[in-house]
Amino acid sequence: MMNKKRFFLSTVVILSTIFFFITSNISSAEVMVYDTVAATGKAIKLKAITKKRFFPEGGRLVEFYIDKKYIAKTLSGGDGYAFLEYIPSSTGIKRIKVIAGADSNDGILLIMNKNERAVLIEIEGSLFESIFTLKPADRSTKALNRLSKRFRIVYLTTMVGVKKSRKWLKEEGFPQSVVLKWEGDSVLDELKERGIRLYAIIGSPALLSETLDIRKRFSFEETEDGVVVDDWDELLKQLK
């Protein structure tokens, strides 16, 4: 009886946490820009979406800026999406800003060259000490700041959502970079098509089972689809 009660309470806490994440990601902002990873010299499409009362709204004029420099403007389609072709020329982390009337939103554009290596990190599967506390895992902040000096960090979110993840990463002092919503291996396919060198991935066993094409796979949980590490210090030794 006691085990059933504990299971019930744990389930309630998890469902409450998920509900918090979902509702906290509902935004009254009527334009949102998506974080993007690109390679120098290769055309990409910057993407934004316009909404009205949480539903897509097409036919709105969207202006795109990169590092405060105006790039161009385009109309959102009937599904609310606005696309703008862009060819990056310099590497680094750039700030994307979109403006649609009185609404605006900021995102990140990560531009890599062919020699740089990307390490993909699942936020939920590697950076939380516990889903109940939302505290950073021990030494994770320091470890990622060290990793960011040798690799390009690409964050993946499976449950928390992009908006909440951006805010949490910033508040906890993690290195700034793009946050991509995980939607299956199509995310990896798109990165590869853009010429991004996927060096390693760190995450939950479930995520690693979907990313077998990446040779270096690490998890803090038991898995047959990657190398199990005890902590971030051990993982740093693996990523040399």
Foldseek 3Di string as FASTA:
>chain_A
DVVVVVVVVVVVLVVVLLVVLVVVPDDQFQKEWAEEEFEAQDKDKTKMFGHHPSAGDWQWKKWKDKQNHTDGIDTGDRRRMDIDIDHHHDADKIKMKMDTPPGIYIFIYGYHYLPAEEEEEECVFAQACDSNPRHGNPCPQVLQVVVVVRHPYEYEYARNDQVNVQVSCVVNNHDDDHYYYDDACVVVVVCVVNNHHHAEYEGHQVVLVRPLVHPAYEGCDDHPSHHHDPHSVVVSVVVD
